[in-house]
Amino acid sequence: MQKAIIIEDEARSRELLCDLVTSNCPQVEVVAQTGTIDEAVSLIRAHNPHLLFLDIELQTGTGFEVLQQVDDLSPAVIFTTAYDHYAIRAIKFSAADYLLKPIDVEELKDAVNKVAGRTVESQHKLMASLIENLHQLKHHHPPRLTLSLANEFVFVQLEEIIRIEAAGAYSTFYLTDGRQIMVSKNLREYELLLSGHAFMRVHNSHIINLNQIKKMIKSDGGYAVMTDDYPVMISPKKKEAFIYAVTKRSL
């Protein structure tokens, strides 16, 4: 059995989540519940749980303040929130697990199963990356992207990414140091995540870093030569927007 603590702002939400976990996740035992930071920290230290269901917005602060006070324990964390703000962007960039309220049962079970096999070391690295990204986004700096692989997390600075190429339900990252990293997420997810960070989807098969373009060729329908010398075709539907984006960045 995995011991879990529910840290939720509202009593009714805590009760509902406890019922959902008890009914649908037989491998999890909810040992405590609270809605405040101080009590959450005390309960975590008393029970040393395997798993936290952690609300972002608490009565006395945020769930991230709880994590900062128990970073020596590093339980697995599933965030719960009704809000889709900058904190969710930080969570997504860090590949952390979260549930949007109202909580869907299948998403709950998937999240619990996903974190079950995660080591303490990998969880600690994940939370450290998340705290860093929260700070970066709060101060309008580029976050660090966490790529989740089968047995590890790879942390990538955005400026290291030259391009991302689609491979069905997978995406391959091409980095400035020559690494190629394939992840089991489709290109659409990264298109949404990287919007506003100098990245653009220029074709069904490619997202490119606008800061990693070596030159643009106007012939043959138009394509961008990236700093790894790979030619990326520009979709006719994207050509006008691409030219505008490149021109705007060069001003």
Foldseek 3Di string as FASTA:
>chain_A
DFEEEEAAADPVVQVVVQVLCVVQPVVYDHDYYYQDLVVLLVVCVVPLTQEYAAEQDGPHHGSLVNCVSPLVSLHQYEYEYQDDDVLVLLCQQLVHHYAHPVGDSVSVVVNCVVSVPDDSVQSSVSSVLSVQQVVQVVVPHFGWGWADDDHHIDTHGPVQFFKWFFDDQKIWTQGPVGDIDIGRHGPVSVQVSCPPPQWDDQDNTMIGRLVQFPDWDPPPQIWTQGVVRDTGHGDPVCVVVVVVSNVVVVD
